[in-house]
N, C-alpha and C. Protein backbone atom coordinates (compact mmCIF):
# COMPACT_ATOMS: atom_id res chain seq x y z
N MET A 1 3.79 19.91 -26.78
CA MET A 1 2.33 20.33 -26.73
C MET A 1 2.02 20.97 -27.86
N LYS A 2 1.07 20.90 -28.32
CA LYS A 2 0.45 21.10 -29.75
C LYS A 2 0.34 22.65 -29.46
N ASP A 3 0.62 23.54 -30.91
CA ASP A 3 -0.19 24.57 -31.06
C ASP A 3 -1.18 24.20 -31.76
N ASN A 4 -2.01 25.71 -31.77
CA ASN A 4 -3.26 25.79 -32.58
C ASN A 4 -3.13 26.71 -33.68
N HIS A 5 -3.55 27.17 -34.82
CA HIS A 5 -3.35 27.82 -35.61
C HIS A 5 -2.52 29.41 -35.62
N ALA A 6 -2.83 29.82 -34.04
CA ALA A 6 -2.07 31.06 -33.91
C ALA A 6 -0.86 31.01 -32.98
N GLY A 7 -0.79 30.34 -32.70
CA GLY A 7 1.06 29.85 -32.47
C GLY A 7 1.00 29.84 -31.32
N ILE A 8 0.30 30.07 -30.49
CA ILE A 8 -0.47 29.72 -28.91
C ILE A 8 -0.24 28.55 -28.42
N PRO A 9 0.38 27.71 -27.67
CA PRO A 9 0.30 26.11 -27.13
C PRO A 9 -1.29 25.81 -27.05
N GLU A 10 -1.67 24.84 -27.47
CA GLU A 10 -3.09 24.73 -27.07
C GLU A 10 -4.26 24.82 -25.68
N ASP A 11 -2.94 24.06 -24.97
CA ASP A 11 -3.34 24.30 -23.39
C ASP A 11 -3.57 25.57 -22.82
N MET A 12 -2.97 26.74 -23.12
CA MET A 12 -2.76 27.28 -22.78
C MET A 12 -4.24 28.31 -23.34
N TYR A 13 -4.46 28.14 -24.49
CA TYR A 13 -6.04 28.58 -25.45
C TYR A 13 -7.01 28.09 -24.62
N ARG A 14 -7.31 26.47 -24.66
CA ARG A 14 -7.93 26.39 -23.50
C ARG A 14 -8.55 26.29 -22.24
N GLU A 15 -7.26 27.15 -21.87
CA GLU A 15 -8.02 27.60 -20.37
C GLU A 15 -8.39 29.63 -20.72
N HIS A 16 -7.77 30.30 -21.93
CA HIS A 16 -8.22 31.46 -22.17
C HIS A 16 -9.67 31.50 -22.32
N ILE A 17 -10.31 29.84 -23.07
CA ILE A 17 -11.71 29.75 -23.78
C ILE A 17 -12.52 29.58 -22.58
N LEU A 18 -11.92 29.19 -21.49
CA LEU A 18 -12.55 28.66 -20.27
C LEU A 18 -12.73 29.84 -19.62
N GLU A 19 -11.38 30.79 -19.37
CA GLU A 19 -11.32 31.68 -18.34
C GLU A 19 -12.92 33.07 -19.31
N LEU A 20 -12.46 32.89 -20.70
CA LEU A 20 -13.74 33.62 -21.12
C LEU A 20 -15.31 33.20 -20.97
N TYR A 21 -15.34 31.98 -20.98
CA TYR A 21 -16.68 31.15 -20.18
C TYR A 21 -17.04 31.87 -19.34
N LYS A 22 -16.35 31.86 -18.38
CA LYS A 22 -16.58 32.02 -17.23
C LYS A 22 -16.89 33.36 -16.61
N SER A 23 -16.25 34.23 -17.70
CA SER A 23 -16.47 35.89 -17.31
C SER A 23 -16.39 36.36 -18.74
N PRO A 24 -17.72 36.26 -19.77
CA PRO A 24 -17.58 36.47 -21.24
C PRO A 24 -17.99 37.93 -21.08
N ARG A 25 -17.29 38.54 -21.94
CA ARG A 25 -17.44 40.57 -22.25
C ARG A 25 -18.96 40.51 -22.98
N ASN A 26 -19.40 41.70 -23.09
CA ASN A 26 -20.77 41.90 -23.40
C ASN A 26 -21.66 41.63 -23.30
N ILE A 27 -21.87 40.77 -22.01
CA ILE A 27 -23.18 39.89 -22.10
C ILE A 27 -24.35 40.96 -21.21
N GLY A 28 -25.12 40.84 -21.21
CA GLY A 28 -26.12 41.83 -20.79
C GLY A 28 -26.98 42.43 -22.01
N LEU A 29 -27.98 43.30 -21.53
CA LEU A 29 -28.78 43.87 -22.00
C LEU A 29 -28.72 45.53 -22.58
N ILE A 30 -28.66 46.11 -24.16
CA ILE A 30 -28.70 47.31 -24.01
C ILE A 30 -30.29 47.60 -24.34
N LYS A 31 -30.18 48.72 -23.86
CA LYS A 31 -31.27 49.88 -23.34
C LYS A 31 -32.91 49.62 -24.54
N ASN A 32 -32.02 50.40 -25.38
CA ASN A 32 -32.86 50.57 -26.34
C ASN A 32 -32.26 50.38 -27.71
N PRO A 33 -31.82 48.52 -27.88
CA PRO A 33 -30.90 48.96 -29.22
C PRO A 33 -32.01 48.63 -30.45
N THR A 34 -31.03 49.21 -31.62
CA THR A 34 -31.39 49.12 -32.98
C THR A 34 -32.02 47.89 -33.37
N TYR A 35 -31.18 46.69 -33.37
CA TYR A 35 -32.07 45.47 -34.02
C TYR A 35 -31.68 44.51 -32.75
N GLU A 36 -32.49 43.77 -33.04
CA GLU A 36 -31.94 42.43 -31.89
C GLU A 36 -32.25 41.43 -32.57
N HIS A 37 -31.76 40.04 -32.22
CA HIS A 37 -32.68 38.40 -32.56
C HIS A 37 -32.05 37.88 -31.40
N THR A 38 -33.03 36.91 -30.98
CA THR A 38 -33.12 35.48 -30.36
C THR A 38 -32.90 34.24 -31.19
N GLU A 39 -31.55 33.33 -31.69
CA GLU A 39 -31.40 32.44 -32.71
C GLU A 39 -31.34 31.09 -31.07
N TYR A 40 -32.16 30.20 -31.35
CA TYR A 40 -32.31 28.96 -30.54
C TYR A 40 -31.54 27.84 -31.27
N ASN A 41 -30.88 27.12 -30.82
CA ASN A 41 -30.27 25.90 -31.22
C ASN A 41 -30.85 24.64 -30.91
N SER A 42 -32.16 23.81 -31.39
CA SER A 42 -32.86 22.90 -30.96
C SER A 42 -32.05 21.80 -30.80
N THR A 43 -30.98 21.59 -31.26
CA THR A 43 -30.33 20.02 -30.86
C THR A 43 -30.01 20.14 -29.23
N CYS A 44 -29.54 21.33 -29.03
CA CYS A 44 -28.68 20.99 -27.43
C CYS A 44 -29.51 22.08 -26.96
N GLY A 45 -30.83 22.88 -26.98
CA GLY A 45 -31.19 23.72 -26.53
C GLY A 45 -30.59 25.21 -25.58
N ASP A 46 -29.21 25.31 -26.54
CA ASP A 46 -28.61 26.73 -26.48
C ASP A 46 -29.64 27.88 -26.98
N GLU A 47 -29.59 29.00 -26.72
CA GLU A 47 -30.47 29.92 -26.93
C GLU A 47 -29.64 31.38 -26.51
N ILE A 48 -29.31 31.76 -27.89
CA ILE A 48 -28.50 33.40 -27.63
C ILE A 48 -29.27 34.48 -28.32
N LYS A 49 -29.47 35.95 -27.25
CA LYS A 49 -29.86 36.64 -27.68
C LYS A 49 -29.03 37.74 -28.03
N ILE A 50 -28.53 38.69 -29.31
CA ILE A 50 -28.01 39.42 -29.90
C ILE A 50 -28.61 40.86 -30.09
N GLN A 51 -27.63 41.95 -29.49
CA GLN A 51 -29.07 42.88 -29.46
C GLN A 51 -27.31 44.02 -29.89
N LEU A 52 -27.79 44.96 -30.80
CA LEU A 52 -26.68 45.97 -31.77
C LEU A 52 -27.75 47.30 -31.91
N LEU A 53 -26.56 48.47 -31.24
CA LEU A 53 -26.90 49.58 -31.30
C LEU A 53 -26.07 50.18 -32.54
N ILE A 54 -26.94 50.67 -33.43
CA ILE A 54 -26.26 51.70 -34.98
C ILE A 54 -26.52 52.78 -34.38
N LYS A 55 -25.13 53.96 -35.31
CA LYS A 55 -25.00 54.93 -35.39
C LYS A 55 -24.76 55.46 -36.61
N ASP A 56 -24.86 56.25 -37.62
CA ASP A 56 -24.62 56.43 -38.32
C ASP A 56 -23.81 54.93 -39.34
N GLY A 57 -24.46 54.17 -39.33
CA GLY A 57 -23.88 52.83 -40.18
C GLY A 57 -22.87 52.15 -39.28
N LYS A 58 -22.76 52.46 -38.58
CA LYS A 58 -21.66 51.24 -37.62
C LYS A 58 -22.23 51.47 -35.95
N ILE A 59 -22.02 49.67 -35.82
CA ILE A 59 -22.24 49.24 -34.43
C ILE A 59 -21.71 49.74 -33.35
N GLN A 60 -22.30 50.53 -32.67
CA GLN A 60 -21.95 51.26 -31.69
C GLN A 60 -21.34 50.30 -30.40
N ASP A 61 -22.31 49.35 -30.83
CA ASP A 61 -22.50 48.67 -28.91
C ASP A 61 -23.34 47.47 -29.27
N ALA A 62 -22.51 46.23 -28.87
CA ALA A 62 -23.30 44.78 -28.83
C ALA A 62 -23.22 43.94 -28.02
N LYS A 63 -23.98 43.61 -27.48
CA LYS A 63 -24.08 42.83 -26.50
C LYS A 63 -24.99 41.60 -26.50
N PHE A 64 -24.71 40.52 -25.76
CA PHE A 64 -25.27 39.26 -25.81
C PHE A 64 -25.67 38.68 -24.52
N SER A 65 -27.01 38.12 -24.87
CA SER A 65 -27.95 37.24 -23.21
C SER A 65 -28.13 35.88 -23.57
N GLY A 66 -28.33 35.22 -22.56
CA GLY A 66 -28.89 33.80 -22.88
C GLY A 66 -28.07 32.70 -21.91
N SER A 67 -27.98 31.83 -22.68
CA SER A 67 -27.75 30.32 -21.88
C SER A 67 -27.15 29.37 -22.98
N GLY A 68 -25.91 28.71 -23.06
CA GLY A 68 -25.64 28.09 -23.90
C GLY A 68 -24.16 27.36 -23.26
N CYS A 69 -23.97 26.26 -24.00
CA CYS A 69 -22.57 25.52 -23.87
C CYS A 69 -21.28 26.52 -24.41
N VAL A 70 -20.16 26.24 -23.44
CA VAL A 70 -19.12 26.93 -23.42
C VAL A 70 -18.62 27.72 -24.86
N ILE A 71 -18.83 26.50 -26.20
CA ILE A 71 -18.62 27.57 -27.44
C ILE A 71 -19.59 28.14 -27.99
N SER A 72 -20.66 28.34 -27.30
CA SER A 72 -21.89 29.54 -27.92
C SER A 72 -21.24 30.37 -27.33
N ILE A 73 -21.21 30.73 -26.00
CA ILE A 73 -21.11 31.19 -24.70
C ILE A 73 -19.70 32.26 -25.55
N VAL A 74 -18.70 31.71 -25.38
CA VAL A 74 -17.19 31.92 -25.79
C VAL A 74 -17.73 32.28 -27.75
N ALA A 75 -18.36 32.10 -28.34
CA ALA A 75 -17.88 32.45 -29.71
C ALA A 75 -19.29 33.98 -29.51
N SER A 76 -20.11 34.31 -28.88
CA SER A 76 -21.01 34.81 -28.78
C SER A 76 -20.46 36.24 -27.66
N SER A 77 -18.89 36.37 -27.25
CA SER A 77 -18.53 36.67 -26.70
C SER A 77 -17.51 37.73 -27.63
N MET A 78 -16.68 36.28 -28.38
CA MET A 78 -15.70 37.14 -29.25
C MET A 78 -16.22 37.62 -30.73
N LEU A 79 -17.56 37.60 -30.71
CA LEU A 79 -18.11 38.15 -32.02
C LEU A 79 -18.73 39.79 -31.65
N THR A 80 -19.75 39.60 -30.47
CA THR A 80 -19.96 41.17 -30.32
C THR A 80 -18.37 41.83 -30.39
N ASP A 81 -17.50 41.57 -29.64
CA ASP A 81 -16.30 42.27 -29.38
C ASP A 81 -15.55 42.64 -30.89
N LYS A 82 -15.91 41.77 -31.55
CA LYS A 82 -15.64 41.76 -33.13
C LYS A 82 -16.60 42.99 -34.05
N LEU A 83 -17.73 43.08 -33.58
CA LEU A 83 -18.58 43.35 -34.05
C LEU A 83 -18.87 45.44 -33.87
N LYS A 84 -17.98 46.05 -32.67
CA LYS A 84 -17.93 46.65 -32.67
C LYS A 84 -17.23 47.70 -32.88
N GLY A 85 -17.61 48.97 -33.45
CA GLY A 85 -17.44 49.36 -34.41
C GLY A 85 -16.92 49.04 -36.04
N LEU A 86 -18.13 48.06 -36.03
CA LEU A 86 -17.66 47.79 -37.31
C LEU A 86 -18.69 48.04 -38.55
N ASN A 87 -18.05 48.45 -39.56
CA ASN A 87 -19.88 48.75 -40.78
C ASN A 87 -20.58 47.97 -40.57
N VAL A 88 -22.29 48.30 -40.58
CA VAL A 88 -23.03 47.50 -40.61
C VAL A 88 -22.72 46.36 -41.96
N GLU A 89 -22.24 47.20 -43.47
CA GLU A 89 -22.22 45.76 -44.21
C GLU A 89 -20.98 45.09 -44.14
N LYS A 90 -20.24 45.82 -43.74
CA LYS A 90 -19.36 44.35 -43.53
C LYS A 90 -19.94 43.13 -42.32
N ALA A 91 -21.00 43.55 -41.70
CA ALA A 91 -20.89 42.93 -40.56
C ALA A 91 -21.70 41.51 -40.96
N LYS A 92 -22.54 42.43 -42.17
CA LYS A 92 -23.66 41.75 -42.52
C LYS A 92 -23.03 40.21 -43.42
N GLY A 93 -21.63 40.91 -43.81
CA GLY A 93 -20.62 40.01 -44.61
C GLY A 93 -19.82 38.67 -43.81
N LEU A 94 -20.00 39.13 -42.56
CA LEU A 94 -19.43 38.03 -41.48
C LEU A 94 -19.45 36.53 -41.92
N THR A 95 -18.76 35.62 -42.34
CA THR A 95 -18.96 34.31 -42.89
C THR A 95 -18.41 32.94 -41.01
N PRO A 96 -19.32 32.48 -41.54
CA PRO A 96 -18.40 30.91 -40.57
C PRO A 96 -16.69 31.14 -40.39
N GLU A 97 -16.73 31.43 -41.79
CA GLU A 97 -14.70 31.26 -41.44
C GLU A 97 -14.35 32.08 -40.37
N ASN A 98 -14.87 33.40 -40.87
CA ASN A 98 -14.19 34.28 -39.91
C ASN A 98 -14.72 34.17 -38.19
N LEU A 99 -15.87 33.36 -38.21
CA LEU A 99 -15.74 33.32 -36.38
C LEU A 99 -14.94 32.17 -36.21
N MET A 100 -14.79 31.48 -37.21
CA MET A 100 -13.44 29.83 -36.41
C MET A 100 -12.26 30.68 -36.55
N GLU A 101 -11.99 31.79 -37.30
CA GLU A 101 -10.84 32.41 -36.88
C GLU A 101 -10.73 33.25 -35.41
N LEU A 102 -11.77 33.59 -35.30
CA LEU A 102 -12.01 34.47 -34.08
C LEU A 102 -11.76 32.96 -32.96
N LEU A 103 -12.41 32.22 -33.14
CA LEU A 103 -12.09 31.29 -32.46
C LEU A 103 -10.55 30.04 -31.83
N LYS A 104 -10.27 30.12 -32.68
CA LYS A 104 -9.04 29.96 -32.78
C LYS A 104 -8.63 28.32 -32.35
N ILE A 105 -9.56 27.55 -32.37
CA ILE A 105 -9.80 26.16 -31.62
C ILE A 105 -10.30 25.00 -33.00
N LYS A 106 -10.36 23.96 -33.30
CA LYS A 106 -11.03 22.85 -33.79
C LYS A 106 -12.22 22.98 -33.12
N ILE A 107 -13.13 23.01 -33.94
CA ILE A 107 -14.58 22.85 -33.41
C ILE A 107 -14.96 21.61 -34.28
N THR A 108 -15.69 20.59 -33.45
CA THR A 108 -16.39 19.16 -34.20
C THR A 108 -17.33 19.59 -34.47
N PRO A 109 -17.85 18.77 -35.47
CA PRO A 109 -18.96 19.41 -36.50
C PRO A 109 -20.44 18.89 -35.89
N ALA A 110 -20.56 18.12 -34.88
CA ALA A 110 -21.39 17.95 -34.35
C ALA A 110 -21.32 19.26 -32.90
N ARG A 111 -20.59 20.34 -32.59
CA ARG A 111 -20.23 21.28 -32.33
C ARG A 111 -20.51 22.71 -33.08
N ILE A 112 -20.75 22.47 -34.50
CA ILE A 112 -20.62 24.16 -35.03
C ILE A 112 -21.94 24.54 -35.32
N LYS A 113 -22.73 23.99 -34.88
CA LYS A 113 -24.36 25.07 -34.81
C LYS A 113 -24.24 25.70 -33.63
N CYS A 114 -23.62 24.77 -32.41
CA CYS A 114 -23.06 25.56 -31.48
C CYS A 114 -22.35 27.27 -31.73
N ALA A 115 -21.35 26.60 -32.38
CA ALA A 115 -20.16 28.23 -32.92
C ALA A 115 -20.98 29.10 -33.24
N LEU A 116 -21.97 28.82 -34.46
CA LEU A 116 -22.95 29.27 -35.56
C LEU A 116 -23.66 29.80 -34.67
N LEU A 117 -23.98 29.64 -33.50
CA LEU A 117 -25.71 30.39 -33.08
C LEU A 117 -25.56 31.66 -32.95
N PRO A 118 -24.53 32.35 -32.42
CA PRO A 118 -24.44 34.17 -32.37
C PRO A 118 -24.28 34.80 -33.85
N LEU A 119 -23.57 33.89 -34.88
CA LEU A 119 -23.67 34.95 -36.20
C LEU A 119 -24.91 34.73 -36.94
N GLU A 120 -25.56 33.60 -36.70
CA GLU A 120 -26.82 33.60 -37.14
C GLU A 120 -28.08 34.35 -36.32
N ALA A 121 -27.81 34.76 -35.67
CA ALA A 121 -28.73 35.73 -34.53
C ALA A 121 -28.53 37.22 -35.09
N VAL A 122 -26.86 37.22 -35.68
CA VAL A 122 -26.43 39.10 -36.01
C VAL A 122 -27.35 38.84 -37.64
N LYS A 123 -27.07 37.79 -37.92
CA LYS A 123 -27.69 38.05 -39.50
C LYS A 123 -29.05 38.39 -39.57
N LYS A 124 -29.50 37.61 -38.57
CA LYS A 124 -31.28 38.19 -38.85
C LYS A 124 -31.41 38.95 -38.11
N ALA A 125 -30.82 39.43 -36.88
CA ALA A 125 -30.93 40.79 -36.34
C ALA A 125 -31.13 42.41 -37.41
N LEU A 126 -29.91 41.72 -38.75
CA LEU A 126 -29.59 42.93 -39.67
C LEU A 126 -30.47 42.34 -40.67
N LYS A 127 -31.24 41.70 -40.85
CA LYS A 127 -31.69 41.48 -42.15
C LYS A 127 -33.18 42.69 -42.20
């Protein structure tokens, strides 16, 4: 049984990813978001809206909505978890590599855009 780079057996981690897809965290809408942006992947049709509530320079809440493949939904769920409590400047500095570290799975070149969709939405929301 192969391990991912986090030392977790791949089969167990894939199961975790599928569970997160079935029951994502932070899905829904923020009533009065400070920032929001919807990003669309024309290649596959995924569409993710990210909403952020900012207070005193920190992200108090982060939610997402939309539809997409397993990778874009799971990336949105994990990214919104990471954003909560984060300083806005740190959020602006998040990189694709940071998101790949959160996912802990190998993403094929064809699926990179799916994985990065929520990060693009965050970056554009915070501009």
